[in-house]
Amino acid sequence: MLTRVHTLRCALALGLLCLGATSVNADVVRFRYAPKDPSGNTVLVPGPSGAPGERSRWLGGASEPFMRAIAPTHTVTFRHPVSNQQVIVPFTFPDGTPRIEHRADQIVYNWSSYQVRARFLADGSVEVLYNSGALRPISFQ
């Protein structure tokens, strides 16, 4: 009898889990900046659709054109780890102080519920990814 009750509870829990399972959405918007001149200035490179950026509903998900160009709040100068050249990249940062994480090919600005990532590509360009976090639409002030 105890085994049967345990089996029913497991089946009920599994059923509820399946019914409540939905994909966890988080907007991720990408912009790509390529070197423009030897001074380190960069230029926004449109995506394949001609839009300034691309948006996906989750990291690695299918992308769609992001038609809005955003106004930068900061410009950051990096030494590109592949090209070893200076690059100046515009960012739109939210208020507050981020935790900064250094990785081999990227710098991550991490607010607890928001993340901005500068990823250095092999061709000398920089991809900037804005990640709003789970269940939050992307918002630029």
C-alpha atoms as a PDB file:
ATOM      1  CA  MET A   1       0.000   0.000   0.000  1.00  0.00           C
ATOM      2  CA  LEU A   2       2.825   2.397   0.886  1.00  0.00           C
ATOM      3  CA  THR A   3       4.502   1.764  -2.465  1.00  0.00           C
ATOM      4  CA  ARG A   4       1.287   2.558  -4.315  1.00  0.00           C
ATOM      5  CA  VAL A   5       0.830   5.866  -2.430  1.00  0.00           C
ATOM      6  CA  HIS A   6       4.447   6.762  -3.112  1.00  0.00           C
ATOM      7  CA  THR A   7       4.003   5.978  -6.839  1.00  0.00           C
ATOM      8  CA  LEU A   8       0.845   8.119  -7.014  1.00  0.00           C
ATOM      9  CA  ARG A   9       2.603  11.029  -5.300  1.00  0.00           C
ATOM     10  CA  CYS A  10       5.534  10.804  -7.711  1.00  0.00           C
ATOM     11  CA  ALA A  11       3.188  10.653 -10.702  1.00  0.00           C
ATOM     12  CA  LEU A  12       1.212  13.651  -9.423  1.00  0.00           C
ATOM     13  CA  ALA A  13       4.398  15.646  -8.798  1.00  0.00           C
ATOM     14  CA  LEU A  14       5.707  14.797 -12.255  1.00  0.00           C
ATOM     15  CA  GLY A  15       2.381  15.789 -13.853  1.00  0.00           C
ATOM     16  CA  LEU A  16       2.334  19.137 -12.061  1.00  0.00           C
ATOM     17  CA  LEU A  17       5.916  19.745 -13.060  1.00  0.00           C
ATOM     18  CA  CYS A  18       5.105  19.066 -16.726  1.00  0.00           C
ATOM     19  CA  LEU A  19       2.020  21.287 -16.663  1.00  0.00           C
ATOM     20  CA  GLY A  20       3.898  24.173 -15.079  1.00  0.00           C
ATOM     21  CA  ALA A  21       6.973  23.869 -17.258  1.00  0.00           C
ATOM     22  CA  THR A  22       7.380  26.775 -19.632  1.00  0.00           C
ATOM     23  CA  SER A  23      10.466  28.149 -21.257  1.00  0.00           C
ATOM     24  CA  VAL A  24      12.184  30.742 -19.119  1.00  0.00           C
ATOM     25  CA  ASN A  25      12.462  33.839 -21.261  1.00  0.00           C
ATOM     26  CA  ALA A  26      15.097  36.522 -21.023  1.00  0.00           C
ATOM     27  CA  ASP A  27      15.667  39.111 -23.716  1.00  0.00           C
ATOM     28  CA  VAL A  28      19.195  39.157 -25.108  1.00  0.00           C
ATOM     29  CA  VAL A  29      20.069  42.008 -27.497  1.00  0.00           C
ATOM     30  CA  ARG A  30      23.337  41.953 -29.481  1.00  0.00           C
ATOM     31  CA  PHE A  31      25.195  44.747 -31.208  1.00  0.00           C
ATOM     32  CA  ARG A  32      28.480  44.379 -33.083  1.00  0.00           C
ATOM     33  CA  TYR A  33      31.101  47.106 -33.334  1.00  0.00           C
ATOM     34  CA  ALA A  34      34.000  46.959 -35.793  1.00  0.00           C
ATOM     35  CA  PRO A  35      37.191  49.063 -35.731  1.00  0.00           C
ATOM     36  CA  LYS A  36      36.823  52.225 -37.796  1.00  0.00           C
ATOM     37  CA  ASP A  37      40.232  53.867 -37.543  1.00  0.00           C
ATOM     38  CA  PRO A  38      43.652  53.462 -35.871  1.00  0.00           C
ATOM     39  CA  SER A  39      42.520  55.695 -32.972  1.00  0.00           C
ATOM     40  CA  GLY A  40      40.277  52.907 -31.678  1.00  0.00           C
ATOM     41  CA  ASN A  41      36.944  54.350 -32.737  1.00  0.00           C
ATOM     42  CA  THR A  42      34.355  51.746 -33.693  1.00  0.00           C
ATOM     43  CA  VAL A  43      31.307  51.698 -35.917  1.00  0.00           C
ATOM     44  CA  LEU A  44      28.072  49.779 -35.433  1.00  0.00           C
ATOM     45  CA  VAL A  45      27.804  46.880 -37.884  1.00  0.00           C
ATOM     46  CA  PRO A  46      24.184  46.088 -38.845  1.00  0.00           C
ATOM     47  CA  GLY A  47      22.970  42.520 -38.519  1.00  0.00           C
ATOM     48  CA  PRO A  48      22.078  40.274 -41.484  1.00  0.00           C
ATOM     49  CA  SER A  49      18.626  41.870 -41.753  1.00  0.00           C
ATOM     50  CA  GLY A  50      20.070  45.397 -41.833  1.00  0.00           C
ATOM     51  CA  ALA A  51      18.787  46.191 -38.320  1.00  0.00           C
ATOM     52  CA  PRO A  52      21.198  47.783 -35.825  1.00  0.00           C
ATOM     53  CA  GLY A  53      21.001  44.751 -33.546  1.00  0.00           C
ATOM     54  CA  GLU A  54      19.510  41.324 -33.034  1.00  0.00           C
ATOM     55  CA  ARG A  55      17.271  40.112 -30.228  1.00  0.00           C
ATOM     56  CA  SER A  56      16.640  36.611 -28.990  1.00  0.00           C
ATOM     57  CA  ARG A  57      14.282  35.601 -26.232  1.00  0.00           C
ATOM     58  CA  TRP A  58      16.968  33.497 -24.566  1.00  0.00           C
ATOM     59  CA  LEU A  59      20.702  33.142 -24.920  1.00  0.00           C
ATOM     60  CA  GLY A  60      21.349  31.000 -27.979  1.00  0.00           C
ATOM     61  CA  GLY A  61      17.732  31.179 -29.136  1.00  0.00           C
ATOM     62  CA  ALA A  62      16.461  32.161 -32.571  1.00  0.00           C
ATOM     63  CA  SER A  63      17.217  35.799 -33.317  1.00  0.00           C
ATOM     64  CA  GLU A  64      15.033  38.510 -34.770  1.00  0.00           C
ATOM     65  CA  PRO A  65      15.921  42.037 -35.936  1.00  0.00           C
ATOM     66  CA  PHE A  66      16.172  44.668 -33.203  1.00  0.00           C
ATOM     67  CA  MET A  67      15.329  47.858 -35.044  1.00  0.00           C
ATOM     68  CA  ARG A  68      16.026  50.383 -32.307  1.00  0.00           C
ATOM     69  CA  ALA A  69      19.430  52.029 -32.018  1.00  0.00           C
ATOM     70  CA  ILE A  70      20.165  52.799 -28.389  1.00  0.00           C
ATOM     71  CA  ALA A  71      21.797  55.924 -27.003  1.00  0.00           C
ATOM     72  CA  PRO A  72      25.029  55.118 -25.150  1.00  0.00           C
ATOM     73  CA  THR A  73      25.522  56.264 -21.571  1.00  0.00           C
ATOM     74  CA  HIS A  74      29.232  55.338 -21.448  1.00  0.00           C
ATOM     75  CA  THR A  75      32.157  54.661 -23.760  1.00  0.00           C
ATOM     76  CA  VAL A  76      34.770  52.177 -22.619  1.00  0.00           C
ATOM     77  CA  THR A  77      38.249  51.777 -24.065  1.00  0.00           C
ATOM     78  CA  PHE A  78      39.649  48.247 -24.202  1.00  0.00           C
ATOM     79  CA  ARG A  79      42.837  46.679 -25.501  1.00  0.00           C
ATOM     80  CA  HIS A  80      41.414  44.019 -27.838  1.00  0.00           C
ATOM     81  CA  PRO A  81      43.011  40.697 -26.776  1.00  0.00           C
ATOM     82  CA  VAL A  82      43.151  39.305 -30.342  1.00  0.00           C
ATOM     83  CA  SER A  83      44.201  42.336 -32.393  1.00  0.00           C
ATOM     84  CA  ASN A  84      46.089  43.979 -29.481  1.00  0.00           C
ATOM     85  CA  GLN A  85      44.634  47.299 -30.686  1.00  0.00           C
ATOM     86  CA  GLN A  86      42.716  49.868 -28.690  1.00  0.00           C
ATOM     87  CA  VAL A  87      38.922  49.805 -29.281  1.00  0.00           C
ATOM     88  CA  ILE A  88      36.402  52.318 -27.957  1.00  0.00           C
ATOM     89  CA  VAL A  89      32.989  50.736 -27.457  1.00  0.00           C
ATOM     90  CA  PRO A  90      29.722  52.532 -26.572  1.00  0.00           C
ATOM     91  CA  PHE A  91      27.528  50.995 -23.853  1.00  0.00           C
ATOM     92  CA  THR A  92      24.185  51.681 -22.241  1.00  0.00           C
ATOM     93  CA  PHE A  93      24.613  50.841 -18.568  1.00  0.00           C
ATOM     94  CA  PRO A  94      21.849  50.872 -15.956  1.00  0.00           C
ATOM     95  CA  ASP A  95      22.235  52.762 -12.691  1.00  0.00           C
ATOM     96  CA  GLY A  96      24.283  51.175  -9.958  1.00  0.00           C
ATOM     97  CA  THR A  97      27.674  49.553  -9.648  1.00  0.00           C
ATOM     98  CA  PRO A  98      28.284  46.266 -11.452  1.00  0.00           C
ATOM     99  CA  ARG A  99      30.519  43.386 -10.510  1.00  0.00           C
ATOM    100  CA  ILE A 100      33.114  43.158 -13.296  1.00  0.00           C
ATOM    101  CA  GLU A 101      34.243  39.732 -14.456  1.00  0.00           C
ATOM    102  CA  HIS A 102      37.302  39.279 -16.685  1.00  0.00           C
ATOM    103  CA  ARG A 103      37.412  36.256 -18.978  1.00  0.00           C
ATOM    104  CA  ALA A 104      39.815  35.289 -21.774  1.00  0.00           C
ATOM    105  CA  ASP A 105      37.705  36.715 -24.613  1.00  0.00           C
ATOM    106  CA  GLN A 106      35.193  38.911 -22.783  1.00  0.00           C
ATOM    107  CA  ILE A 107      34.445  41.375 -20.012  1.00  0.00           C
ATOM    108  CA  VAL A 108      31.150  40.962 -18.141  1.00  0.00           C
ATOM    109  CA  TYR A 109      29.440  43.810 -16.277  1.00  0.00           C
ATOM    110  CA  ASN A 110      27.087  42.061 -13.894  1.00  0.00           C
ATOM    111  CA  TRP A 111      24.311  43.698 -11.933  1.00  0.00           C
ATOM    112  CA  SER A 112      22.419  41.023 -10.012  1.00  0.00           C
ATOM    113  CA  SER A 113      19.463  41.089 -12.405  1.00  0.00           C
ATOM    114  CA  TYR A 114      21.064  42.520 -15.550  1.00  0.00           C
ATOM    115  CA  GLN A 115      24.205  41.733 -17.498  1.00  0.00           C
ATOM    116  CA  VAL A 116      26.181  43.520 -20.198  1.00  0.00           C
ATOM    117  CA  ARG A 117      28.911  41.521 -21.919  1.00  0.00           C
ATOM    118  CA  ALA A 118      31.689  42.725 -24.237  1.00  0.00           C
ATOM    119  CA  ARG A 119      32.888  39.761 -26.287  1.00  0.00           C
ATOM    120  CA  PHE A 120      36.054  40.168 -28.349  1.00  0.00           C
ATOM    121  CA  LEU A 121      35.851  38.459 -31.750  1.00  0.00           C
ATOM    122  CA  ALA A 122      38.731  37.069 -33.815  1.00  0.00           C
ATOM    123  CA  ASP A 123      38.283  39.686 -36.583  1.00  0.00           C
ATOM    124  CA  GLY A 124      39.040  42.562 -34.159  1.00  0.00           C
ATOM    125  CA  SER A 125      35.400  43.520 -33.614  1.00  0.00           C
ATOM    126  CA  VAL A 126      33.481  43.559 -30.335  1.00  0.00           C
ATOM    127  CA  GLU A 127      30.047  42.058 -29.755  1.00  0.00           C
ATOM    128  CA  VAL A 128      28.023  43.689 -26.976  1.00  0.00           C
ATOM    129  CA  LEU A 129      25.255  41.580 -25.432  1.00  0.00           C
ATOM    130  CA  TYR A 130      22.592  42.993 -23.137  1.00  0.00           C
ATOM    131  CA  ASN A 131      20.870  40.306 -21.062  1.00  0.00           C
ATOM    132  CA  SER A 132      17.822  41.296 -19.024  1.00  0.00           C
ATOM    133  CA  GLY A 133      17.713  38.127 -16.933  1.00  0.00           C
ATOM    134  CA  ALA A 134      14.958  35.556 -16.550  1.00  0.00           C
ATOM    135  CA  LEU A 135      11.373  36.717 -17.120  1.00  0.00           C
ATOM    136  CA  ARG A 136      12.371  40.355 -17.727  1.00  0.00           C
ATOM    137  CA  PRO A 137      11.973  42.245 -20.994  1.00  0.00           C
ATOM    138  CA  ILE A 138      14.982  44.275 -22.124  1.00  0.00           C
ATOM    139  CA  SER A 139      14.860  47.933 -21.134  1.00  0.00           C
ATOM    140  CA  PHE A 140      17.175  50.767 -22.109  1.00  0.00           C
ATOM    141  CA  GLN A 141      16.860  54.024 -20.138  1.00  0.00           C
END
